Every structure is written in structure tokens, then in C-alpha cells.
PDB file of N, CA and C in Angstrom:
ATOM      1  N   UNK A   1     -63.442  10.605   0.168  1.00  0.00           N
ATOM      2  CA  UNK A   1     -62.222   9.874   0.358  1.00  0.00           C
ATOM      3  C   UNK A   1     -61.462  10.502   1.519  1.00  0.00           C
ATOM      4  N   UNK A   2     -60.979   9.677   2.430  1.00  0.00           N
ATOM      5  CA  UNK A   2     -60.249  10.154   3.609  1.00  0.00           C
ATOM      6  C   UNK A   2     -58.871  10.647   3.210  1.00  0.00           C
ATOM      7  N   UNK A   3     -58.449  11.725   3.902  1.00  0.00           N
ATOM      8  CA  UNK A   3     -57.106  12.249   3.631  1.00  0.00           C
ATOM      9  C   UNK A   3     -56.066  11.299   4.184  1.00  0.00           C
ATOM     10  N   UNK A   4     -54.992  11.157   3.423  1.00  0.00           N
ATOM     11  CA  UNK A   4     -53.900  10.296   3.853  1.00  0.00           C
ATOM     12  C   UNK A   4     -53.057  11.054   4.883  1.00  0.00           C
ATOM     13  N   UNK A   5     -52.750  10.393   6.001  1.00  0.00           N
ATOM     14  CA  UNK A   5     -51.952  11.007   7.061  1.00  0.00           C
ATOM     15  C   UNK A   5     -50.511  11.146   6.592  1.00  0.00           C
ATOM     16  N   UNK A   6     -49.920  12.326   6.822  1.00  0.00           N
ATOM     17  CA  UNK A   6     -48.525  12.563   6.439  1.00  0.00           C
ATOM     18  C   UNK A   6     -47.619  11.694   7.301  1.00  0.00           C
ATOM     19  N   UNK A   7     -46.630  11.114   6.683  1.00  0.00           N
ATOM     20  CA  UNK A   7     -45.663  10.290   7.406  1.00  0.00           C
ATOM     21  C   UNK A   7     -44.283  10.913   7.280  1.00  0.00           C
ATOM     22  N   UNK A   8     -43.399  10.492   8.169  1.00  0.00           N
ATOM     23  CA  UNK A   8     -42.044  11.008   8.126  1.00  0.00           C
ATOM     24  C   UNK A   8     -41.059   9.852   8.181  1.00  0.00           C
ATOM     25  N   UNK A   9     -39.897  10.092   7.635  1.00  0.00           N
ATOM     26  CA  UNK A   9     -38.815   9.115   7.728  1.00  0.00           C
ATOM     27  C   UNK A   9     -37.684   9.666   8.592  1.00  0.00           C
ATOM     28  N   UNK A  10     -37.910  10.845   9.183  1.00  0.00           N
ATOM     29  CA  UNK A  10     -36.922  11.475  10.050  1.00  0.00           C
ATOM     30  C   UNK A  10     -36.870  10.704  11.369  1.00  0.00           C
ATOM     31  N   UNK A  11     -35.738  10.075  11.643  1.00  0.00           N
ATOM     32  CA  UNK A  11     -35.594   9.235  12.831  1.00  0.00           C
ATOM     33  C   UNK A  11     -35.833  10.016  14.122  1.00  0.00           C
ATOM     34  N   UNK A  12     -35.349  11.237  14.194  1.00  0.00           N
ATOM     35  CA  UNK A  12     -35.543  12.042  15.396  1.00  0.00           C
ATOM     36  C   UNK A  12     -37.028  12.303  15.613  1.00  0.00           C
ATOM     37  N   UNK A  13     -37.736  12.644  14.555  1.00  0.00           N
ATOM     38  CA  UNK A  13     -39.179  12.884  14.653  1.00  0.00           C
ATOM     39  C   UNK A  13     -39.911  11.617  15.114  1.00  0.00           C
ATOM     40  N   UNK A  14     -39.539  10.502  14.547  1.00  0.00           N
ATOM     41  CA  UNK A  14     -40.190   9.238  14.906  1.00  0.00           C
ATOM     42  C   UNK A  14     -39.949   8.903  16.374  1.00  0.00           C
ATOM     43  N   UNK A  15     -38.678   8.993  16.811  1.00  0.00           N
ATOM     44  CA  UNK A  15     -38.356   8.688  18.201  1.00  0.00           C
ATOM     45  C   UNK A  15     -39.020   9.671  19.163  1.00  0.00           C
ATOM     46  N   UNK A  16     -39.028  10.934  18.786  1.00  0.00           N
ATOM     47  CA  UNK A  16     -39.680  11.938  19.629  1.00  0.00           C
ATOM     48  C   UNK A  16     -41.163  11.602  19.798  1.00  0.00           C
ATOM     49  N   UNK A  17     -41.812  11.314  18.704  1.00  0.00           N
ATOM     50  CA  UNK A  17     -43.245  10.993  18.747  1.00  0.00           C
ATOM     51  C   UNK A  17     -43.503   9.735  19.581  1.00  0.00           C
ATOM     52  N   UNK A  18     -42.652   8.751  19.432  1.00  0.00           N
ATOM     53  CA  UNK A  18     -42.854   7.463  20.094  1.00  0.00           C
ATOM     54  C   UNK A  18     -42.530   7.515  21.592  1.00  0.00           C
ATOM     55  N   UNK A  19     -41.458   8.209  21.983  1.00  0.00           N
ATOM     56  CA  UNK A  19     -40.982   8.110  23.357  1.00  0.00           C
ATOM     57  C   UNK A  19     -41.080   9.396  24.184  1.00  0.00           C
ATOM     58  N   UNK A  20     -41.170  10.532  23.548  1.00  0.00           N
ATOM     59  CA  UNK A  20     -41.101  11.794  24.275  1.00  0.00           C
ATOM     60  C   UNK A  20     -42.430  12.539  24.296  1.00  0.00           C
ATOM     61  N   UNK A  21     -43.103  12.585  23.188  1.00  0.00           N
ATOM     62  CA  UNK A  21     -44.311  13.392  23.023  1.00  0.00           C
ATOM     63  C   UNK A  21     -45.270  13.214  24.206  1.00  0.00           C
ATOM     64  N   UNK A  22     -45.640  14.356  24.771  1.00  0.00           N
ATOM     65  CA  UNK A  22     -46.617  14.341  25.847  1.00  0.00           C
ATOM     66  C   UNK A  22     -46.043  14.058  27.230  1.00  0.00           C
ATOM     67  N   UNK A  23     -44.761  13.755  27.342  1.00  0.00           N
ATOM     68  CA  UNK A  23     -44.167  13.463  28.640  1.00  0.00           C
ATOM     69  C   UNK A  23     -43.356  14.662  29.127  1.00  0.00           C
ATOM     70  N   UNK A  24     -43.938  15.414  30.032  1.00  0.00           N
ATOM     71  CA  UNK A  24     -43.257  16.599  30.568  1.00  0.00           C
ATOM     72  C   UNK A  24     -41.945  16.198  31.237  1.00  0.00           C
ATOM     73  N   UNK A  25     -41.950  15.098  31.952  1.00  0.00           N
ATOM     74  CA  UNK A  25     -40.756  14.630  32.654  1.00  0.00           C
ATOM     75  C   UNK A  25     -39.620  14.324  31.664  1.00  0.00           C
ATOM     76  N   UNK A  26     -39.939  13.671  30.576  1.00  0.00           N
ATOM     77  CA  UNK A  26     -38.921  13.347  29.576  1.00  0.00           C
ATOM     78  C   UNK A  26     -38.428  14.591  28.849  1.00  0.00           C
ATOM     79  N   UNK A  27     -39.326  15.520  28.555  1.00  0.00           N
ATOM     80  CA  UNK A  27     -38.921  16.773  27.908  1.00  0.00           C
ATOM     81  C   UNK A  27     -37.977  17.564  28.813  1.00  0.00           C
ATOM     82  N   UNK A  28     -38.282  17.611  30.099  1.00  0.00           N
ATOM     83  CA  UNK A  28     -37.418  18.314  31.047  1.00  0.00           C
ATOM     84  C   UNK A  28     -36.051  17.640  31.144  1.00  0.00           C
ATOM     85  N   UNK A  29     -36.043  16.331  31.136  1.00  0.00           N
ATOM     86  CA  UNK A  29     -34.786  15.583  31.197  1.00  0.00           C
ATOM     87  C   UNK A  29     -33.919  15.861  29.969  1.00  0.00           C
ATOM     88  N   UNK A  30     -34.540  15.899  28.818  1.00  0.00           N
ATOM     89  CA  UNK A  30     -33.809  16.198  27.582  1.00  0.00           C
ATOM     90  C   UNK A  30     -33.222  17.599  27.642  1.00  0.00           C
ATOM     91  N   UNK A  31     -33.981  18.549  28.154  1.00  0.00           N
ATOM     92  CA  UNK A  31     -33.478  19.921  28.244  1.00  0.00           C
ATOM     93  C   UNK A  31     -32.302  20.012  29.204  1.00  0.00           C
ATOM     94  N   UNK A  32     -32.375  19.319  30.339  1.00  0.00           N
ATOM     95  CA  UNK A  32     -31.241  19.313  31.283  1.00  0.00           C
ATOM     96  C   UNK A  32     -29.997  18.741  30.617  1.00  0.00           C
ATOM     97  N   UNK A  33     -30.154  17.665  29.872  1.00  0.00           N
ATOM     98  CA  UNK A  33     -29.016  17.054  29.179  1.00  0.00           C
ATOM     99  C   UNK A  33     -28.463  17.991  28.110  1.00  0.00           C
ATOM    100  N   UNK A  34     -29.342  18.694  27.425  1.00  0.00           N
ATOM    101  CA  UNK A  34     -28.915  19.638  26.389  1.00  0.00           C
ATOM    102  C   UNK A  34     -28.065  20.755  26.997  1.00  0.00           C
ATOM    103  N   UNK A  35     -28.476  21.258  28.157  1.00  0.00           N
ATOM    104  CA  UNK A  35     -27.730  22.321  28.836  1.00  0.00           C
ATOM    105  C   UNK A  35     -26.342  21.811  29.242  1.00  0.00           C
ATOM    106  N   UNK A  36     -26.289  20.628  29.843  1.00  0.00           N
ATOM    107  CA  UNK A  36     -24.998  20.063  30.268  1.00  0.00           C
ATOM    108  C   UNK A  36     -24.069  19.875  29.076  1.00  0.00           C
ATOM    109  N   UNK A  37     -24.599  19.353  27.997  1.00  0.00           N
ATOM    110  CA  UNK A  37     -23.789  19.131  26.796  1.00  0.00           C
ATOM    111  C   UNK A  37     -23.273  20.448  26.233  1.00  0.00           C
ATOM    112  N   UNK A  38     -24.114  21.461  26.204  1.00  0.00           N
ATOM    113  CA  UNK A  38     -23.717  22.765  25.676  1.00  0.00           C
ATOM    114  C   UNK A  38     -22.568  23.364  26.486  1.00  0.00           C
ATOM    115  N   UNK A  39     -22.666  23.299  27.804  1.00  0.00           N
ATOM    116  CA  UNK A  39     -21.607  23.843  28.661  1.00  0.00           C
ATOM    117  C   UNK A  39     -20.309  23.072  28.461  1.00  0.00           C
ATOM    118  N   UNK A  40     -20.382  21.757  28.476  1.00  0.00           N
ATOM    119  CA  UNK A  40     -19.184  20.925  28.307  1.00  0.00           C
ATOM    120  C   UNK A  40     -18.514  21.197  26.963  1.00  0.00           C
ATOM    121  N   UNK A  41     -19.310  21.247  25.908  1.00  0.00           N
ATOM    122  CA  UNK A  41     -18.757  21.508  24.573  1.00  0.00           C
ATOM    123  C   UNK A  41     -18.106  22.877  24.490  1.00  0.00           C
ATOM    124  N   UNK A  42     -18.720  23.878  25.114  1.00  0.00           N
ATOM    125  CA  UNK A  42     -18.195  25.244  25.043  1.00  0.00           C
ATOM    126  C   UNK A  42     -16.865  25.359  25.772  1.00  0.00           C
ATOM    127  N   UNK A  43     -16.762  24.754  26.941  1.00  0.00           N
ATOM    128  CA  UNK A  43     -15.497  24.790  27.673  1.00  0.00           C
ATOM    129  C   UNK A  43     -14.403  24.119  26.846  1.00  0.00           C
ATOM    130  N   UNK A  44     -14.702  22.940  26.311  1.00  0.00           N
ATOM    131  CA  UNK A  44     -13.731  22.223  25.487  1.00  0.00           C
ATOM    132  C   UNK A  44     -13.328  23.057  24.267  1.00  0.00           C
ATOM    133  N   UNK A  45     -14.320  23.607  23.585  1.00  0.00           N
ATOM    134  CA  UNK A  45     -14.066  24.401  22.374  1.00  0.00           C
ATOM    135  C   UNK A  45     -13.170  25.604  22.673  1.00  0.00           C
ATOM    136  N   UNK A  46     -13.488  26.336  23.714  1.00  0.00           N
ATOM    137  CA  UNK A  46     -12.703  27.523  24.052  1.00  0.00           C
ATOM    138  C   UNK A  46     -11.282  27.160  24.494  1.00  0.00           C
ATOM    139  N   UNK A  47     -11.170  26.094  25.277  1.00  0.00           N
ATOM    140  CA  UNK A  47      -9.849  25.668  25.745  1.00  0.00           C
ATOM    141  C   UNK A  47      -8.964  25.233  24.588  1.00  0.00           C
ATOM    142  N   UNK A  48      -9.495  24.405  23.707  1.00  0.00           N
ATOM    143  CA  UNK A  48      -8.684  23.919  22.589  1.00  0.00           C
ATOM    144  C   UNK A  48      -8.387  25.031  21.595  1.00  0.00           C
ATOM    145  N   UNK A  49      -9.325  25.940  21.407  1.00  0.00           N
ATOM    146  CA  UNK A  49      -9.091  27.088  20.522  1.00  0.00           C
ATOM    147  C   UNK A  49      -7.952  27.957  21.057  1.00  0.00           C
ATOM    148  N   UNK A  50      -7.839  28.023  22.383  1.00  0.00           N
ATOM    149  CA  UNK A  50      -6.764  28.790  23.016  1.00  0.00           C
ATOM    150  C   UNK A  50      -5.440  28.018  23.016  1.00  0.00           C
ATOM    151  N   UNK A  51      -5.486  26.764  22.557  1.00  0.00           N
ATOM    152  CA  UNK A  51      -4.270  25.956  22.501  1.00  0.00           C
ATOM    153  C   UNK A  51      -3.794  25.471  23.859  1.00  0.00           C
ATOM    154  N   UNK A  52      -4.731  25.320  24.794  1.00  0.00           N
ATOM    155  CA  UNK A  52      -4.379  24.906  26.145  1.00  0.00           C
ATOM    156  C   UNK A  52      -4.739  23.455  26.411  1.00  0.00           C
ATOM    157  N   UNK A  53      -3.937  22.808  27.236  1.00  0.00           N
ATOM    158  CA  UNK A  53      -4.306  21.483  27.729  1.00  0.00           C
ATOM    159  C   UNK A  53      -5.219  21.682  28.930  1.00  0.00           C
ATOM    160  N   UNK A  54      -5.850  20.611  29.361  1.00  0.00           N
ATOM    161  CA  UNK A  54      -6.679  20.688  30.562  1.00  0.00           C
ATOM    162  C   UNK A  54      -5.825  21.107  31.756  1.00  0.00           C
ATOM    163  N   UNK A  55      -4.626  20.588  31.852  1.00  0.00           N
ATOM    164  CA  UNK A  55      -3.709  20.918  32.956  1.00  0.00           C
ATOM    165  C   UNK A  55      -3.350  22.402  32.930  1.00  0.00           C
ATOM    166  N   UNK A  56      -3.061  22.928  31.766  1.00  0.00           N
ATOM    167  CA  UNK A  56      -2.709  24.341  31.663  1.00  0.00           C
ATOM    168  C   UNK A  56      -3.864  25.245  32.102  1.00  0.00           C
ATOM    169  N   UNK A  57      -5.061  24.932  31.647  1.00  0.00           N
ATOM    170  CA  UNK A  57      -6.223  25.724  32.052  1.00  0.00           C
ATOM    171  C   UNK A  57      -6.448  25.593  33.554  1.00  0.00           C
ATOM    172  N   UNK A  58      -6.313  24.392  34.063  1.00  0.00           N
ATOM    173  CA  UNK A  58      -6.482  24.168  35.501  1.00  0.00           C
ATOM    174  C   UNK A  58      -5.504  25.013  36.303  1.00  0.00           C
ATOM    175  N   UNK A  59      -4.256  25.029  35.882  1.00  0.00           N
ATOM    176  CA  UNK A  59      -3.243  25.829  36.574  1.00  0.00           C
ATOM    177  C   UNK A  59      -3.599  27.312  36.544  1.00  0.00           C
ATOM    178  N   UNK A  60      -4.158  27.767  35.437  1.00  0.00           N
ATOM    179  CA  UNK A  60      -4.525  29.183  35.291  1.00  0.00           C
ATOM    180  C   UNK A  60      -5.619  29.602  36.264  1.00  0.00           C
ATOM    181  N   UNK A  61      -6.508  28.669  36.606  1.00  0.00           N
ATOM    182  CA  UNK A  61      -7.630  29.033  37.471  1.00  0.00           C
ATOM    183  C   UNK A  61      -7.496  28.459  38.883  1.00  0.00           C
ATOM    184  N   UNK A  62      -6.371  27.828  39.152  1.00  0.00           N
ATOM    185  CA  UNK A  62      -6.128  27.328  40.501  1.00  0.00           C
ATOM    186  C   UNK A  62      -6.893  26.080  40.872  1.00  0.00           C
ATOM    187  N   UNK A  63      -7.000  25.164  39.937  1.00  0.00           N
ATOM    188  CA  UNK A  63      -7.676  23.894  40.217  1.00  0.00           C
ATOM    189  C   UNK A  63      -6.850  22.764  39.621  1.00  0.00           C
ATOM    190  N   UNK A  64      -7.433  21.601  39.516  1.00  0.00           N
ATOM    191  CA  UNK A  64      -6.719  20.444  38.983  1.00  0.00           C
ATOM    192  C   UNK A  64      -7.223  20.074  37.590  1.00  0.00           C
ATOM    193  N   UNK A  65      -6.401  19.312  36.894  1.00  0.00           N
ATOM    194  CA  UNK A  65      -6.778  18.837  35.555  1.00  0.00           C
ATOM    195  C   UNK A  65      -8.054  18.015  35.613  1.00  0.00           C
ATOM    196  N   UNK A  66      -8.238  17.241  36.692  1.00  0.00           N
ATOM    197  CA  UNK A  66      -9.428  16.393  36.783  1.00  0.00           C
ATOM    198  C   UNK A  66     -10.709  17.220  36.866  1.00  0.00           C
ATOM    199  N   UNK A  67     -10.635  18.405  37.468  1.00  0.00           N
ATOM    200  CA  UNK A  67     -11.807  19.287  37.527  1.00  0.00           C
ATOM    201  C   UNK A  67     -12.172  19.747  36.115  1.00  0.00           C
ATOM    202  N   UNK A  68     -11.162  20.137  35.339  1.00  0.00           N
ATOM    203  CA  UNK A  68     -11.429  20.573  33.961  1.00  0.00           C
ATOM    204  C   UNK A  68     -11.996  19.406  33.156  1.00  0.00           C
ATOM    205  N   UNK A  69     -11.444  18.232  33.359  1.00  0.00           N
ATOM    206  CA  UNK A  69     -11.953  17.045  32.666  1.00  0.00           C
ATOM    207  C   UNK A  69     -13.424  16.820  32.981  1.00  0.00           C
ATOM    208  N   UNK A  70     -13.792  16.925  34.246  1.00  0.00           N
ATOM    209  CA  UNK A  70     -15.199  16.752  34.634  1.00  0.00           C
ATOM    210  C   UNK A  70     -16.079  17.811  33.990  1.00  0.00           C
ATOM    211  N   UNK A  71     -15.600  19.067  33.983  1.00  0.00           N
ATOM    212  CA  UNK A  71     -16.387  20.149  33.397  1.00  0.00           C
ATOM    213  C   UNK A  71     -16.620  19.945  31.901  1.00  0.00           C
ATOM    214  N   UNK A  72     -15.691  19.258  31.248  1.00  0.00           N
ATOM    215  CA  UNK A  72     -15.825  18.993  29.813  1.00  0.00           C
ATOM    216  C   UNK A  72     -16.586  17.708  29.527  1.00  0.00           C
ATOM    217  N   UNK A  73     -17.069  17.056  30.562  1.00  0.00           N
ATOM    218  CA  UNK A  73     -17.825  15.813  30.419  1.00  0.00           C
ATOM    219  C   UNK A  73     -19.316  16.146  30.392  1.00  0.00           C
ATOM    220  N   UNK A  74     -20.006  15.723  29.354  1.00  0.00           N
ATOM    221  CA  UNK A  74     -21.427  16.038  29.197  1.00  0.00           C
ATOM    222  C   UNK A  74     -22.297  15.412  30.287  1.00  0.00           C
ATOM    223  N   UNK A  75     -21.766  14.446  31.035  1.00  0.00           N
ATOM    224  CA  UNK A  75     -22.541  13.839  32.118  1.00  0.00           C
ATOM    225  C   UNK A  75     -22.431  14.611  33.431  1.00  0.00           C
ATOM    226  N   UNK A  76     -21.523  15.572  33.494  1.00  0.00           N
ATOM    227  CA  UNK A  76     -21.307  16.334  34.721  1.00  0.00           C
ATOM    228  C   UNK A  76     -22.421  17.356  34.896  1.00  0.00           C
ATOM    229  N   UNK A  77     -22.919  17.496  36.136  1.00  0.00           N
ATOM    230  CA  UNK A  77     -24.026  18.432  36.347  1.00  0.00           C
ATOM    231  C   UNK A  77     -23.871  19.289  37.605  1.00  0.00           C
ATOM    232  N   UNK A  78     -22.651  19.429  38.091  1.00  0.00           N
ATOM    233  CA  UNK A  78     -22.450  20.197  39.317  1.00  0.00           C
ATOM    234  C   UNK A  78     -21.652  21.464  39.028  1.00  0.00           C
ATOM    235  N   UNK A  79     -22.056  22.157  37.997  1.00  0.00           N
ATOM    236  CA  UNK A  79     -21.366  23.385  37.613  1.00  0.00           C
ATOM    237  C   UNK A  79     -21.459  24.422  38.719  1.00  0.00           C
ATOM    238  N   UNK A  80     -20.381  25.159  38.869  1.00  0.00           N
ATOM    239  CA  UNK A  80     -20.294  26.220  39.852  1.00  0.00           C
ATOM    240  C   UNK A  80     -20.050  27.504  39.075  1.00  0.00           C
ATOM    241  N   UNK A  81     -20.894  28.485  39.279  1.00  0.00           N
ATOM    242  CA  UNK A  81     -20.780  29.724  38.519  1.00  0.00           C
ATOM    243  C   UNK A  81     -19.432  30.402  38.743  1.00  0.00           C
ATOM    244  N   UNK A  82     -18.897  30.321  39.947  1.00  0.00           N
ATOM    245  CA  UNK A  82     -17.588  30.930  40.231  1.00  0.00           C
ATOM    246  C   UNK A  82     -16.494  30.265  39.389  1.00  0.00           C
ATOM    247  N   UNK A  83     -16.539  28.948  39.264  1.00  0.00           N
ATOM    248  CA  UNK A  83     -15.546  28.237  38.451  1.00  0.00           C
ATOM    249  C   UNK A  83     -15.709  28.579  36.979  1.00  0.00           C
ATOM    250  N   UNK A  84     -16.943  28.641  36.516  1.00  0.00           N
ATOM    251  CA  UNK A  84     -17.182  29.015  35.120  1.00  0.00           C
ATOM    252  C   UNK A  84     -16.676  30.429  34.852  1.00  0.00           C
ATOM    253  N   UNK A  85     -16.848  31.322  35.815  1.00  0.00           N
ATOM    254  CA  UNK A  85     -16.364  32.702  35.656  1.00  0.00           C
ATOM    255  C   UNK A  85     -14.836  32.728  35.588  1.00  0.00           C
ATOM    256  N   UNK A  86     -14.164  31.921  36.400  1.00  0.00           N
ATOM    257  CA  UNK A  86     -12.698  31.848  36.357  1.00  0.00           C
ATOM    258  C   UNK A  86     -12.222  31.347  34.992  1.00  0.00           C
ATOM    259  N   UNK A  87     -12.904  30.329  34.480  1.00  0.00           N
ATOM    260  CA  UNK A  87     -12.550  29.797  33.164  1.00  0.00           C
ATOM    261  C   UNK A  87     -12.756  30.881  32.103  1.00  0.00           C
ATOM    262  N   UNK A  88     -13.873  31.560  32.180  1.00  0.00           N
ATOM    263  CA  UNK A  88     -14.168  32.617  31.206  1.00  0.00           C
ATOM    264  C   UNK A  88     -13.076  33.685  31.231  1.00  0.00           C
ATOM    265  N   UNK A  89     -12.694  34.133  32.405  1.00  0.00           N
ATOM    266  CA  UNK A  89     -11.663  35.158  32.522  1.00  0.00           C
ATOM    267  C   UNK A  89     -10.344  34.652  31.943  1.00  0.00           C
ATOM    268  N   UNK A  90      -9.965  33.436  32.283  1.00  0.00           N
ATOM    269  CA  UNK A  90      -8.713  32.866  31.787  1.00  0.00           C
ATOM    270  C   UNK A  90      -8.703  32.770  30.264  1.00  0.00           C
ATOM    271  N   UNK A  91      -9.878  32.569  29.671  1.00  0.00           N
ATOM    272  CA  UNK A  91      -9.985  32.408  28.223  1.00  0.00           C
ATOM    273  C   UNK A  91     -10.472  33.689  27.532  1.00  0.00           C
ATOM    274  N   UNK A  92     -10.417  34.799  28.262  1.00  0.00           N
ATOM    275  CA  UNK A  92     -10.810  36.113  27.727  1.00  0.00           C
ATOM    276  C   UNK A  92     -12.249  36.113  27.214  1.00  0.00           C
ATOM    277  N   UNK A  93     -13.119  35.574  28.049  1.00  0.00           N
ATOM    278  CA  UNK A  93     -14.541  35.494  27.741  1.00  0.00           C
ATOM    279  C   UNK A  93     -15.325  36.056  28.921  1.00  0.00           C
ATOM    280  N   UNK A  94     -16.639  36.113  28.768  1.00  0.00           N
ATOM    281  CA  UNK A  94     -17.550  36.455  29.859  1.00  0.00           C
ATOM    282  C   UNK A  94     -18.605  35.367  29.939  1.00  0.00           C
ATOM    283  N   UNK A  95     -19.060  35.093  31.146  1.00  0.00           N
ATOM    284  CA  UNK A  95     -20.178  34.169  31.326  1.00  0.00           C
ATOM    285  C   UNK A  95     -21.451  34.978  31.175  1.00  0.00           C
ATOM    286  N   UNK A  96     -22.367  34.460  30.408  1.00  0.00           N
ATOM    287  CA  UNK A  96     -23.647  35.127  30.213  1.00  0.00           C
ATOM    288  C   UNK A  96     -24.748  34.097  30.400  1.00  0.00           C
ATOM    289  N   UNK A  97     -25.610  34.329  31.362  1.00  0.00           N
ATOM    290  CA  UNK A  97     -26.757  33.450  31.586  1.00  0.00           C
ATOM    291  C   UNK A  97     -27.940  34.074  30.887  1.00  0.00           C
ATOM    292  N   UNK A  98     -28.608  33.276  30.093  1.00  0.00           N
ATOM    293  CA  UNK A  98     -29.699  33.810  29.295  1.00  0.00           C
ATOM    294  C   UNK A  98     -30.860  32.825  29.304  1.00  0.00           C
ATOM    295  N   UNK A  99     -32.054  33.326  29.531  1.00  0.00           N
ATOM    296  CA  UNK A  99     -33.246  32.510  29.448  1.00  0.00           C
ATOM    297  C   UNK A  99     -33.915  32.825  28.116  1.00  0.00           C
ATOM    298  N   UNK A 100     -34.198  31.796  27.342  1.00  0.00           N
ATOM    299  CA  UNK A 100     -34.794  31.976  26.022  1.00  0.00           C
ATOM    300  C   UNK A 100     -36.055  31.125  25.915  1.00  0.00           C
ATOM    301  N   UNK A 101     -36.968  31.510  25.038  1.00  0.00           N
ATOM    302  CA  UNK A 101     -38.183  30.710  24.861  1.00  0.00           C
ATOM    303  C   UNK A 101     -37.840  29.292  24.420  1.00  0.00           C
ATOM    304  N   UNK A 102     -38.672  28.370  24.809  1.00  0.00           N
ATOM    305  CA  UNK A 102     -38.497  26.984  24.407  1.00  0.00           C
ATOM    306  C   UNK A 102     -38.578  26.864  22.897  1.00  0.00           C
ATOM    307  N   UNK A 103     -37.896  25.880  22.370  1.00  0.00           N
ATOM    308  CA  UNK A 103     -37.975  25.576  20.933  1.00  0.00           C
ATOM    309  C   UNK A 103     -39.374  25.018  20.694  1.00  0.00           C
ATOM    310  N   UNK A 104     -40.176  25.767  19.994  1.00  0.00           N
ATOM    311  CA  UNK A 104     -41.569  25.384  19.800  1.00  0.00           C
ATOM    312  C   UNK A 104     -41.743  24.055  19.071  1.00  0.00           C
ATOM    313  N   UNK A 105     -40.708  23.628  18.347  1.00  0.00           N
ATOM    314  CA  UNK A 105     -40.822  22.387  17.580  1.00  0.00           C
ATOM    315  C   UNK A 105     -40.986  21.167  18.485  1.00  0.00           C
ATOM    316  N   UNK A 106     -40.252  21.130  19.618  1.00  0.00           N
ATOM    317  CA  UNK A 106     -40.312  19.968  20.494  1.00  0.00           C
ATOM    318  C   UNK A 106     -40.888  20.264  21.867  1.00  0.00           C
ATOM    319  N   UNK A 107     -41.047  21.518  22.216  1.00  0.00           N
ATOM    320  CA  UNK A 107     -41.423  21.887  23.575  1.00  0.00           C
ATOM    321  C   UNK A 107     -42.730  21.238  24.037  1.00  0.00           C
ATOM    322  N   UNK A 108     -43.725  21.261  23.218  1.00  0.00           N
ATOM    323  CA  UNK A 108     -45.035  20.759  23.652  1.00  0.00           C
ATOM    324  C   UNK A 108     -45.571  19.671  22.725  1.00  0.00           C
ATOM    325  N   UNK A 109     -44.721  19.215  21.829  1.00  0.00           N
ATOM    326  CA  UNK A 109     -45.191  18.228  20.848  1.00  0.00           C
ATOM    327  C   UNK A 109     -45.467  16.894  21.498  1.00  0.00           C
TER     328      UNK A 109
END
């Protein structure tokens, strides 16, 4: 008797298998989007935790509110390390760049 193939009802797993699996280009695109989202979320989180408006943070680092707004937008991809360092200093943080192994669950699936 043939073994029954395991199935999943996890939507992420299904979509990954259907649209991403085996496509290096799509996996790279997802990783780029993940990085942008992480940076945007972190800036927003730190700013709001400090009780600052976008304008207040902008004034602290010598830029405009619209720049902070762009940095907090997950679609923005023109990050400047000098600007990130200014934000970190203003928010009593440090910028740390770290390379970590790929998540084995989706990296090559």
C-alpha cells in the first residue's frame, strides 16, 4: 500500500510551495522586503516608545518630517547608514549590522 502524502492547511506553506519554492529570484525578493519592513518597523517602534512625533525626531537629527515618514515606510529602500546612525544616537541606541544564516525553513524549500 502506498504511503499517503502529508498535506498542510497552513496558508503560508501552501502559498510558499505554489509560488516561491525553487525560485531564487522570488526568495531574494522576499528577503529584501523582509529587511525593509524590519528597518521601518524598528524606527517606528523606537520613535513611538520615546514618545516622539516624526517632526520631533526629524528636528533632533537635522532633517524633515517627510524623511522620517519615508524611513518608516516598508516600501522605502534607500536607507543611508549615516541617517540611521543619527536616528540611533537620538534614540539612545546603536546601529548594528549583522549577517545571519538563512532561515532553513524557507531558504531552499
